Amino acid sequence: MAIITTTKRTERLRRTTPPTCKYWLAGRCNRNPCGFSHSLPTSPSNVYYNANTTYKYSKKPDSSVEKIASSSAKKAINCTPKAFKKPENCALKAVECRPEAISVGLASSSAKKAINCAPKALKKPENCAPKAVECRPEAEAISVEKPSKCEEKAVLIEKTADVEDVATVAKASVDKSHSICKSWMTDNCVDGDLCQNLHSWFYGDGFSTLAKLHEHNEAITGIALPAGSNKLISGSTDGTVRAWDCNTGRCVNMIHLNSPVTSLISEGPWIFAGVKNAVKAWNIQTGADVILDGPKGQVLSLNVGNDILLAGAEDGVIYAWRCSFESPFKTVATLSGHSKPVVCLAIGCHKMLYSGSMDHSIKVWDLDTFQCTMTLNGHTDVVTSLICWENYLLSGSSDCTVNVWVCTKEGTLEVTYTHTHENAVLGLYGMTDAEAKPILFCSCKDNSVRMYELPTFLERGRLFTRQEVRSFHIGPSGLFFTGDGTGLLNVWKWLEEAKVPT
């Protein structure tokens, strides 16, 4: 009869033992209480449930069971640091209850000691029951409230690692882009050092800004530094030409021309300013003042080559005067061929003149005969800038491209490389840096000037302005100047002396 009774009690025991929670095994169980066991199945002889216990997994366990679970969980957690030698394992076991920590805890000998030490601390077998469910939310809450020294150290180590990871991610996330912060330009950026855009008017190395000269009210269209003078000259669409003292940076003279100045250059002691229907000239040594009539409309470009002053006008004609320092200027030719305004002029080798126009074409002229020898059609919009660099011709356009032209064996010019921008190209300017590397400055419609190393077009840096840069000039001892649409004249300098290309 006793055997039959024992069998029935064993069967009842098996019926009251719930199956193991599969979500608990995976470390994802969030039920409190859970209707399944949060422990691995064991043999009936070692099971903490017996005939005398009345505790069952139910949705509403009584308060006495909760108290027992809390007290046993505290004791079980407090003894685990003695078994776990590595702080990180202890933290995983006692705080996070991760699946990998549970598996390691059951498999390692130190974990077995930690589990076995719980019954020694508890005299009553029934108090050991909550030990198997130590990863319950109650136990987690208790461990967070009163962690052991081992756990605190483990959590600190783990949090420190997390902070380093977060710092790495944060550092990567705030890597500066190559664009200036628009909010910073108006003193409204709230991101500070975490802003992904630049809080500077330039980026790059090897150069710096020296001064900002701001007296013009509109765009600066020309900058010149006459030979033998300590005055910097600038012309603007506000109708004035200003002279700046190179030592103090102050404006020491201003001339009102009553017409927008759309181009300005210097040659020897002469200063030339392109205005509407004329070119005005001043000699800083003799004080001579000359007005060169002839152009129709605004004079948009000026250049001097082979002792000839050339002016590209709004009517599409290039006007030429023979330069003379002793007698008045004399008109020698008018070069017709463009159907729209002539925007830029460049003097090349072999007495060649290159002109760019709003008709999208580039024309090549012989300065001995003043005849057009070639027409280049490599752009689909206004040709805004031309420069000659060694044996190459570089052209910039509003079609967002920079073309590199090279002379062929047949004597013609063809495009050997095209560099594409996201914005219209307004101007091209060339010089060498302190290490004699050729640098191409490319002014763009997005209010920036990109600096490229030639011939690779590897970006070296950028200059930023509130409005687009319309003028550029190269000075001595590594100085260079930029003038933007707001009337600001910036003075820059290479960290070591730079050389002007010849």
Protein backbone atom coordinates (compact mmCIF):
# COMPACT_ATOMS: atom_id res chain seq x y z
CA MET A 1 0.00 0.00 0.00
CA ALA A 2 2.90 2.31 0.81
CA ILE A 3 4.34 1.68 -2.61
CA ILE A 4 1.08 2.67 -4.27
CA THR A 5 0.91 5.86 -2.21
CA THR A 6 4.46 6.83 -3.07
CA THR A 7 3.75 6.31 -6.72
CA LYS A 8 0.72 8.55 -6.55
CA ARG A 9 2.65 11.28 -4.71
CA THR A 10 5.41 11.08 -7.31
CA GLU A 11 2.88 11.37 -10.10
CA ARG A 12 1.33 14.36 -8.32
CA LEU A 13 4.77 15.87 -7.94
CA ARG A 14 5.41 15.51 -11.65
CA ARG A 15 2.04 17.04 -12.43
CA THR A 16 2.76 20.07 -10.23
CA THR A 17 6.24 20.69 -11.68
CA PRO A 18 5.76 23.07 -14.64
CA PRO A 19 7.86 22.79 -17.79
CA THR A 20 10.87 25.03 -18.23
CA CYS A 21 10.14 28.45 -19.83
CA LYS A 22 11.70 28.54 -23.29
CA TYR A 23 11.76 32.33 -23.24
CA TRP A 24 13.69 32.23 -19.95
CA LEU A 25 16.22 29.91 -21.58
CA ALA A 26 16.61 32.46 -24.36
CA GLY A 27 16.87 35.31 -21.86
CA ARG A 28 13.74 37.07 -23.11
CA CYS A 29 11.05 36.22 -20.54
CA ASN A 30 9.36 39.36 -19.24
CA ARG A 31 6.44 37.86 -17.32
CA ASN A 32 6.18 38.37 -13.59
CA PRO A 33 5.17 35.84 -12.46
CA CYS A 34 5.67 33.37 -15.28
CA GLY A 35 3.53 30.26 -15.59
CA PHE A 36 6.57 28.15 -16.43
CA SER A 37 9.67 27.14 -14.53
CA HIS A 38 12.74 29.38 -14.66
CA SER A 39 15.16 26.55 -13.99
CA LEU A 40 16.60 23.59 -15.82
CA PRO A 41 14.81 20.26 -15.26
CA THR A 42 16.35 18.08 -12.56
CA SER A 43 15.68 14.64 -11.13
CA PRO A 44 12.77 14.28 -8.63
CA SER A 45 15.16 13.51 -5.77
CA ASN A 46 16.93 16.86 -6.16
CA VAL A 47 13.91 18.93 -6.98
CA TYR A 48 13.13 21.59 -4.39
CA TYR A 49 9.39 20.87 -4.67
CA ASN A 50 8.17 18.15 -2.30
CA ALA A 51 4.95 16.90 -0.92
CA ASN A 52 4.92 19.45 1.87
CA THR A 53 5.22 22.54 -0.32
CA THR A 54 2.08 24.20 -1.59
CA TYR A 55 3.81 26.75 -3.88
CA LYS A 56 2.82 26.50 -7.49
CA TYR A 57 3.48 28.78 -10.43
CA SER A 58 0.33 30.78 -10.75
CA LYS A 59 -0.63 34.22 -11.94
CA LYS A 60 -1.08 35.46 -8.35
CA PRO A 61 1.41 33.92 -5.90
CA ASP A 62 0.77 34.70 -2.28
CA SER A 63 2.80 37.37 -0.49
CA SER A 64 4.61 34.86 1.73
CA VAL A 65 6.15 33.18 -1.26
CA GLU A 66 7.28 36.55 -2.62
CA LYS A 67 9.05 37.31 0.67
CA ILE A 68 10.80 33.93 0.63
CA ALA A 69 11.87 34.49 -2.96
CA SER A 70 13.27 37.90 -2.15
CA SER A 71 15.24 36.76 0.89
CA SER A 72 16.66 33.69 -0.79
CA ALA A 73 17.52 35.66 -3.88
CA LYS A 74 19.51 38.15 -1.81
CA LYS A 75 21.49 35.38 -0.16
CA ALA A 76 22.06 33.54 -3.40
CA ILE A 77 23.35 36.67 -5.11
CA ASN A 78 25.59 37.64 -2.23
CA CYS A 79 27.39 34.31 -2.36
CA THR A 80 28.04 34.29 -6.08
CA PRO A 81 31.08 36.62 -6.01
CA LYS A 82 32.96 34.01 -3.98
CA ALA A 83 32.55 31.51 -6.79
CA PHE A 84 33.08 33.82 -9.79
CA LYS A 85 36.64 35.02 -10.04
CA LYS A 86 36.07 37.22 -13.12
CA PRO A 87 34.00 40.32 -12.47
CA GLU A 88 32.46 40.32 -15.90
CA ASN A 89 30.98 36.85 -15.41
CA CYS A 90 29.55 37.91 -12.09
CA ALA A 91 27.93 40.94 -13.63
CA LEU A 92 26.41 38.90 -16.39
CA LYS A 93 25.13 36.32 -13.92
CA ALA A 94 23.72 38.57 -11.26
CA VAL A 95 22.60 41.66 -13.11
CA GLU A 96 21.86 41.07 -16.75
CA CYS A 97 20.67 37.44 -16.65
CA ARG A 98 21.80 37.00 -20.22
CA PRO A 99 21.39 33.54 -21.81
CA GLU A 100 25.09 33.15 -22.25
CA ALA A 101 25.66 33.96 -18.58
CA ILE A 102 23.11 31.32 -17.53
CA SER A 103 24.70 28.67 -19.69
CA VAL A 104 28.18 29.52 -18.46
CA GLY A 105 26.97 29.55 -14.86
CA LEU A 106 25.52 26.06 -15.12
CA ALA A 107 28.45 24.66 -17.00
CA SER A 108 31.39 26.06 -15.05
CA SER A 109 32.59 24.62 -11.79
CA SER A 110 32.56 28.04 -10.15
CA ALA A 111 28.89 28.40 -10.97
CA LYS A 112 28.18 25.01 -9.43
CA LYS A 113 29.86 26.18 -6.23
CA ALA A 114 27.74 29.31 -6.26
CA ILE A 115 24.57 27.27 -6.68
CA ASN A 116 25.59 24.76 -4.04
CA CYS A 117 26.39 27.43 -1.54
CA ALA A 118 22.81 28.66 -1.44
CA PRO A 119 21.43 25.61 0.47
CA LYS A 120 24.27 25.95 3.01
CA ALA A 121 23.18 29.46 3.80
CA LEU A 122 19.52 28.39 4.07
CA LYS A 123 18.57 25.84 6.67
CA LYS A 124 15.14 25.07 5.34
CA PRO A 125 14.98 23.23 2.01
CA GLU A 126 11.92 25.17 0.94
CA ASN A 127 13.84 28.42 1.14
CA CYS A 128 16.07 27.17 -1.65
CA ALA A 129 13.15 27.16 -4.05
CA PRO A 130 13.62 30.70 -5.31
CA LYS A 131 17.27 29.96 -6.09
CA ALA A 132 16.28 28.27 -9.30
CA VAL A 133 14.35 31.33 -10.35
CA GLU A 134 17.01 33.86 -9.38
CA CYS A 135 16.78 35.43 -12.80
CA ARG A 136 13.22 36.48 -12.12
CA PRO A 137 12.41 40.20 -12.25
CA GLU A 138 12.24 40.26 -8.42
CA ALA A 139 15.82 39.06 -8.15
CA GLU A 140 16.93 41.49 -10.83
CA ALA A 141 15.34 44.37 -8.99
CA ILE A 142 17.04 43.36 -5.76
CA SER A 143 20.44 43.05 -7.41
CA VAL A 144 20.14 46.50 -8.89
CA GLU A 145 19.19 48.01 -5.55
CA LYS A 146 21.94 46.36 -3.52
CA PRO A 147 24.69 45.03 -5.82
CA SER A 148 27.69 43.36 -4.35
CA LYS A 149 31.20 44.78 -4.74
CA CYS A 150 31.94 42.24 -7.43
CA GLU A 151 28.85 43.22 -9.31
CA GLU A 152 29.54 46.92 -8.96
CA LYS A 153 33.03 46.43 -10.37
CA ALA A 154 31.71 44.28 -13.20
CA VAL A 155 28.98 46.75 -14.06
CA LEU A 156 31.53 49.56 -13.97
CA ILE A 157 33.83 47.70 -16.33
CA GLU A 158 31.00 46.90 -18.67
CA LYS A 159 29.61 50.43 -18.60
CA THR A 160 33.07 51.83 -19.23
CA ALA A 161 33.37 49.65 -22.31
CA ASP A 162 29.93 50.78 -23.43
CA VAL A 163 30.89 54.41 -22.92
CA GLU A 164 34.02 53.91 -25.00
CA ASP A 165 31.91 52.35 -27.74
CA VAL A 166 29.44 55.20 -27.55
CA ALA A 167 32.28 57.72 -27.64
CA THR A 168 33.70 56.03 -30.71
CA VAL A 169 30.33 56.10 -32.43
CA ALA A 170 29.78 59.71 -31.37
CA LYS A 171 33.19 60.68 -32.68
CA ALA A 172 32.46 58.99 -35.98
CA SER A 173 29.05 60.61 -36.16
CA VAL A 174 30.46 64.11 -35.77
CA ASP A 175 33.19 63.78 -38.35
CA LYS A 176 33.18 67.15 -39.99
CA SER A 177 31.81 67.41 -43.47
CA HIS A 178 33.36 69.67 -46.10
CA SER A 179 30.56 72.21 -45.84
CA ILE A 180 30.27 75.21 -43.58
CA CYS A 181 27.44 75.33 -41.04
CA LYS A 182 24.81 77.81 -42.25
CA SER A 183 23.51 78.30 -38.72
CA TRP A 184 27.03 79.02 -37.44
CA MET A 185 27.40 81.72 -40.09
CA THR A 186 24.48 83.55 -38.45
CA ASP A 187 25.53 82.67 -34.86
CA ASN A 188 22.50 80.38 -34.44
CA CYS A 189 24.07 76.91 -34.29
CA VAL A 190 23.09 75.05 -31.10
CA ASP A 191 25.05 71.84 -31.77
CA GLY A 192 28.45 73.21 -30.79
CA ASP A 193 31.30 70.73 -31.22
CA LEU A 194 28.82 67.98 -32.15
CA CYS A 195 27.78 69.82 -35.32
CA GLN A 196 28.62 67.77 -38.40
CA ASN A 197 29.38 70.88 -40.46
CA LEU A 198 32.38 73.17 -40.19
CA HIS A 199 32.51 76.10 -37.80
CA SER A 200 35.29 77.81 -39.73
CA TRP A 201 35.72 79.96 -42.83
CA PHE A 202 38.18 77.48 -44.31
CA TYR A 203 39.61 74.01 -43.91
CA GLY A 204 42.91 72.59 -45.03
CA ASP A 205 46.52 73.01 -44.00
CA GLY A 206 49.48 75.03 -45.16
CA PHE A 207 47.72 78.43 -45.22
CA SER A 208 45.88 80.83 -42.95
CA THR A 209 43.87 84.04 -43.05
CA LEU A 210 45.60 87.31 -42.13
CA ALA A 211 43.02 90.09 -42.44
CA LYS A 212 39.50 90.98 -43.51
CA LEU A 213 38.98 94.31 -45.27
CA HIS A 214 35.34 95.32 -45.54
CA GLU A 215 34.50 98.77 -46.91
CA HIS A 216 32.82 97.94 -50.23
CA ASN A 217 29.04 97.65 -50.21
CA GLU A 218 28.73 95.27 -53.18
CA ALA A 219 30.68 92.55 -54.95
CA ILE A 220 34.41 92.97 -55.45
CA THR A 221 35.14 92.30 -59.12
CA GLY A 222 38.86 93.02 -59.29
CA ILE A 223 41.96 93.12 -57.07
CA ALA A 224 45.38 94.46 -58.05
CA LEU A 225 48.74 95.11 -56.40
CA PRO A 226 50.66 97.55 -58.64
CA ALA A 227 54.40 97.09 -58.96
CA GLY A 228 56.45 99.36 -56.72
CA SER A 229 53.50 100.26 -54.52
CA ASN A 230 52.49 99.41 -50.97
CA LYS A 231 48.82 99.92 -51.81
CA LEU A 232 46.30 97.16 -52.56
CA ILE A 233 43.65 98.23 -55.10
CA SER A 234 40.12 96.85 -55.32
CA GLY A 235 37.15 97.62 -57.56
CA SER A 236 33.50 96.89 -56.87
CA THR A 237 30.09 97.00 -58.46
CA ASP A 238 29.26 99.71 -55.90
CA GLY A 239 31.01 102.06 -58.34
CA THR A 240 34.16 102.68 -56.29
CA VAL A 241 37.86 101.87 -56.49
CA ARG A 242 39.60 101.72 -53.11
CA ALA A 243 43.27 101.81 -52.12
CA TRP A 244 44.33 99.91 -48.98
CA ASP A 245 47.50 100.42 -46.98
CA CYS A 246 49.31 97.06 -46.98
CA ASN A 247 50.85 97.75 -43.57
CA THR A 248 47.80 98.87 -41.62
CA GLY A 249 44.96 97.35 -43.68
CA ARG A 250 43.12 100.67 -43.74
CA CYS A 251 41.43 102.23 -46.74
CA VAL A 252 43.49 105.33 -47.57
CA ASN A 253 41.82 106.44 -50.79
CA MET A 254 38.57 105.98 -52.70
CA ILE A 255 37.51 107.00 -56.21
CA HIS A 256 33.86 107.23 -57.27
CA LEU A 257 33.40 106.22 -60.91
CA ASN A 258 29.61 106.62 -61.07
CA SER A 259 29.40 103.25 -62.80
CA PRO A 260 29.73 99.65 -61.61
CA VAL A 261 33.29 98.36 -61.86
CA THR A 262 33.03 94.90 -63.44
CA SER A 263 36.76 94.23 -63.98
CA LEU A 264 40.08 95.58 -62.67
CA ILE A 265 43.75 94.75 -63.29
CA SER A 266 47.17 96.40 -63.03
CA GLU A 267 50.16 96.36 -65.33
CA GLY A 268 53.33 98.10 -64.19
CA PRO A 269 52.31 101.45 -62.69
CA TRP A 270 48.97 101.45 -64.49
CA ILE A 271 45.60 100.48 -63.05
CA PHE A 272 42.75 99.63 -65.44
CA ALA A 273 39.08 99.49 -64.45
CA GLY A 274 36.34 98.25 -66.74
CA VAL A 275 33.13 100.30 -66.55
CA LYS A 276 30.19 100.91 -68.84
CA ASN A 277 31.26 101.89 -72.39
CA ALA A 278 34.87 102.58 -71.34
CA VAL A 279 38.06 101.54 -69.61
CA LYS A 280 39.49 103.97 -67.06
CA ALA A 281 43.24 104.03 -66.39
CA TRP A 282 45.45 105.64 -63.70
CA ASN A 283 49.21 105.87 -63.45
CA ILE A 284 50.22 105.74 -59.78
CA GLN A 285 53.65 107.20 -60.53
CA THR A 286 52.78 110.14 -62.72
CA GLY A 287 49.19 110.64 -61.62
CA ALA A 288 47.95 110.44 -65.24
CA ASP A 289 44.24 109.73 -65.72
CA VAL A 290 43.04 108.27 -69.02
CA ILE A 291 39.61 107.19 -70.33
CA LEU A 292 39.63 104.64 -73.18
CA ASP A 293 36.41 104.85 -75.17
CA GLY A 294 35.09 102.37 -77.67
CA PRO A 295 33.51 99.42 -75.91
CA LYS A 296 29.76 99.05 -76.11
CA GLY A 297 28.13 98.08 -72.85
CA GLN A 298 29.83 96.91 -69.71
CA VAL A 299 33.50 95.87 -69.90
CA LEU A 300 33.43 92.41 -68.28
CA SER A 301 37.06 91.29 -68.65
CA LEU A 302 40.53 92.80 -68.97
CA ASN A 303 44.01 91.43 -69.69
CA VAL A 304 47.39 92.60 -70.93
CA GLY A 305 49.67 90.62 -73.26
CA ASN A 306 52.33 91.41 -75.80
CA ASP A 307 52.14 95.11 -74.72
CA ILE A 308 48.49 95.18 -75.69
CA LEU A 309 45.56 96.00 -73.41
CA LEU A 310 42.56 93.79 -74.21
CA ALA A 311 38.97 94.40 -73.05
CA GLY A 312 36.06 91.99 -73.50
CA ALA A 313 32.78 93.85 -73.70
CA GLU A 314 29.09 93.17 -73.37
CA ASP A 315 28.58 93.52 -77.13
CA GLY A 316 30.71 90.39 -77.78
CA VAL A 317 33.69 92.33 -79.15
CA ILE A 318 37.26 92.36 -77.83
CA TYR A 319 38.89 95.82 -77.97
CA ALA A 320 42.69 96.18 -78.19
CA TRP A 321 44.94 99.17 -77.36
CA ARG A 322 48.68 99.40 -77.71
CA CYS A 323 50.15 100.08 -74.26
CA SER A 324 52.52 103.05 -74.11
CA PHE A 325 54.05 104.62 -71.04
CA GLU A 326 55.16 107.74 -72.87
CA SER A 327 52.38 108.43 -75.39
CA PRO A 328 48.59 108.04 -75.22
CA PHE A 329 47.00 104.61 -75.72
CA LYS A 330 46.14 103.83 -79.31
CA THR A 331 43.40 101.49 -80.54
CA VAL A 332 44.99 98.80 -82.74
CA ALA A 333 42.15 96.33 -83.35
CA THR A 334 38.67 95.10 -82.57
CA LEU A 335 38.21 91.33 -82.46
CA SER A 336 34.72 90.24 -83.48
CA GLY A 337 33.49 86.68 -83.46
CA HIS A 338 31.47 85.98 -80.33
CA SER A 339 27.72 86.33 -80.54
CA LYS A 340 27.30 87.16 -76.84
CA PRO A 341 29.26 89.05 -74.13
CA VAL A 342 32.91 88.15 -73.63
CA VAL A 343 33.27 87.07 -70.00
CA CYS A 344 36.94 86.07 -69.65
CA LEU A 345 40.32 86.49 -71.36
CA ALA A 346 43.60 84.59 -70.98
CA ILE A 347 47.03 85.07 -72.56
CA GLY A 348 48.89 81.91 -73.56
CA CYS A 349 52.21 81.04 -75.05
CA HIS A 350 53.14 81.82 -78.65
CA LYS A 351 51.25 85.13 -78.48
CA MET A 352 47.87 83.44 -78.31
CA LEU A 353 44.73 84.96 -76.79
CA TYR A 354 41.86 82.83 -75.48
CA SER A 355 38.39 84.31 -74.93
CA GLY A 356 35.35 82.77 -73.23
CA SER A 357 31.83 83.94 -73.86
CA MET A 358 28.21 83.58 -72.85
CA ASP A 359 27.71 81.87 -76.22
CA HIS A 360 29.32 78.75 -74.62
CA SER A 361 32.38 78.88 -76.89
CA ILE A 362 36.11 79.51 -76.52
CA LYS A 363 37.94 81.30 -79.32
CA VAL A 364 41.68 81.30 -79.98
CA TRP A 365 43.22 84.49 -81.42
CA ASP A 366 46.65 85.29 -82.88
CA LEU A 367 47.90 88.52 -81.28
CA ASP A 368 50.15 89.28 -84.25
CA THR A 369 47.36 89.20 -86.83
CA PHE A 370 44.35 89.61 -84.48
CA GLN A 371 42.65 86.78 -86.36
CA CYS A 372 40.62 83.92 -84.85
CA THR A 373 42.44 80.66 -85.51
CA MET A 374 40.20 78.20 -83.67
CA THR A 375 36.83 77.83 -81.95
CA LEU A 376 36.46 75.34 -79.09
CA ASN A 377 33.05 73.95 -78.18
CA GLY A 378 33.50 71.92 -75.03
CA HIS A 379 30.93 73.49 -72.71
CA THR A 380 27.15 73.63 -72.65
CA ASP A 381 26.84 76.88 -70.69
CA VAL A 382 28.63 80.18 -70.12
CA VAL A 383 32.43 79.93 -70.16
CA THR A 384 33.21 81.88 -67.00
CA SER A 385 36.97 81.55 -66.61
CA LEU A 386 40.16 80.67 -68.50
CA ILE A 387 43.74 80.19 -67.33
CA CYS A 388 46.85 78.93 -69.09
CA TRP A 389 49.05 76.58 -67.06
CA GLU A 390 52.24 75.44 -68.76
CA ASN A 391 51.08 73.67 -71.94
CA TYR A 392 47.47 73.31 -70.83
CA LEU A 393 44.38 75.48 -71.10
CA LEU A 394 41.87 75.18 -68.26
CA SER A 395 38.31 76.41 -68.71
CA GLY A 396 35.54 76.75 -66.15
CA SER A 397 31.86 76.99 -66.96
CA SER A 398 28.39 77.44 -65.50
CA ASP A 399 27.73 73.87 -66.67
CA CYS A 400 29.57 72.77 -63.47
CA THR A 401 32.67 71.47 -65.24
CA VAL A 402 36.35 72.29 -65.53
CA ASN A 403 37.89 71.17 -68.83
CA VAL A 404 41.60 70.57 -69.32
CA TRP A 405 42.61 71.19 -72.94
CA VAL A 406 45.83 69.92 -74.52
CA CYS A 407 47.38 70.62 -77.91
CA THR A 408 47.39 67.69 -80.33
CA LYS A 409 49.93 66.84 -83.00
CA GLU A 410 47.64 68.40 -85.58
CA GLY A 411 47.83 71.71 -83.75
CA THR A 412 44.27 71.64 -82.43
CA LEU A 413 43.06 71.63 -78.83
CA GLU A 414 41.04 68.82 -77.35
CA VAL A 415 39.69 68.02 -73.88
CA THR A 416 41.92 65.51 -72.11
CA TYR A 417 40.12 65.61 -68.75
CA THR A 418 36.86 66.97 -67.31
CA HIS A 419 36.36 67.61 -63.61
CA THR A 420 32.72 67.88 -62.56
CA HIS A 421 31.35 69.98 -59.71
CA GLU A 422 27.97 70.09 -58.02
CA ASN A 423 27.65 73.82 -58.67
CA ALA A 424 28.48 76.32 -61.38
CA VAL A 425 32.15 77.29 -61.70
CA LEU A 426 32.66 81.06 -61.46
CA GLY A 427 36.43 81.45 -61.63
CA LEU A 428 39.75 79.61 -61.94
CA TYR A 429 43.03 80.87 -60.49
CA GLY A 430 46.42 79.19 -60.22
CA MET A 431 49.50 79.45 -58.04
CA THR A 432 51.97 77.19 -56.25
CA ASP A 433 52.08 76.45 -52.54
CA ALA A 434 55.06 76.68 -50.21
CA GLU A 435 56.36 73.34 -51.51
CA ALA A 436 56.10 74.47 -55.15
CA LYS A 437 53.10 72.22 -55.80
CA PRO A 438 50.70 73.66 -58.37
CA ILE A 439 47.36 74.56 -56.78
CA LEU A 440 44.17 75.35 -58.69
CA PHE A 441 41.63 77.60 -56.94
CA CYS A 442 38.12 77.00 -58.20
CA SER A 443 35.40 79.46 -57.15
CA CYS A 444 31.92 77.91 -57.18
CA LYS A 445 28.35 79.11 -56.99
CA ASP A 446 27.90 77.53 -53.52
CA ASN A 447 30.00 80.34 -51.95
CA SER A 448 33.14 78.25 -51.69
CA VAL A 449 36.57 78.13 -53.28
CA ARG A 450 37.96 74.64 -53.72
CA MET A 451 41.70 74.08 -53.76
CA TYR A 452 43.02 71.26 -55.95
CA GLU A 453 46.48 69.84 -56.40
CA LEU A 454 47.39 69.48 -60.06
CA PRO A 455 47.41 67.33 -62.06
CA THR A 456 45.52 64.89 -59.79
CA PHE A 457 42.68 67.28 -58.80
CA LEU A 458 43.06 66.00 -55.26
CA GLU A 459 41.22 68.43 -52.98
CA ARG A 460 43.61 70.31 -50.72
CA GLY A 461 41.14 72.49 -48.84
CA ARG A 462 38.29 74.98 -49.14
CA LEU A 463 37.62 78.63 -48.48
CA PHE A 464 34.12 79.75 -47.49
CA THR A 465 32.37 83.10 -47.88
CA ARG A 466 28.89 84.52 -47.34
CA GLN A 467 28.55 85.09 -51.07
CA GLU A 468 30.43 83.77 -54.07
CA VAL A 469 34.04 84.81 -54.71
CA ARG A 470 34.23 86.98 -57.83
CA SER A 471 37.87 88.05 -57.77
CA PHE A 472 41.26 86.60 -56.89
CA HIS A 473 44.78 87.97 -56.92
CA ILE A 474 48.23 86.56 -56.17
CA GLY A 475 50.63 88.69 -54.15
CA PRO A 476 54.28 88.40 -53.11
CA SER A 477 55.66 86.27 -50.26
CA GLY A 478 52.88 83.70 -50.39
CA LEU A 479 50.01 86.20 -50.13
CA PHE A 480 46.77 85.82 -52.04
CA PHE A 481 43.51 87.78 -51.93
CA THR A 482 39.86 86.96 -52.49
CA GLY A 483 36.90 89.30 -52.94
CA ASP A 484 33.31 88.09 -52.47
CA GLY A 485 29.80 89.26 -53.29
CA THR A 486 29.32 91.08 -49.98
CA GLY A 487 32.26 93.43 -50.59
CA LEU A 488 34.60 91.59 -48.18
CA LEU A 489 38.26 91.39 -49.17
CA ASN A 490 40.11 88.53 -47.46
CA VAL A 491 43.90 88.40 -47.16
CA TRP A 492 45.40 84.89 -47.02
CA LYS A 493 48.94 83.60 -46.72
CA TRP A 494 50.73 80.34 -47.25
CA LEU A 495 52.69 79.31 -44.18
CA GLU A 496 55.86 79.54 -46.23
CA GLU A 497 56.66 81.58 -49.27
CA ALA A 498 54.78 80.48 -52.40
CA LYS A 499 55.79 80.99 -56.02
CA VAL A 500 53.67 82.51 -58.78
CA PRO A 501 53.63 80.30 -61.90
CA THR A 502 55.39 81.72 -64.94
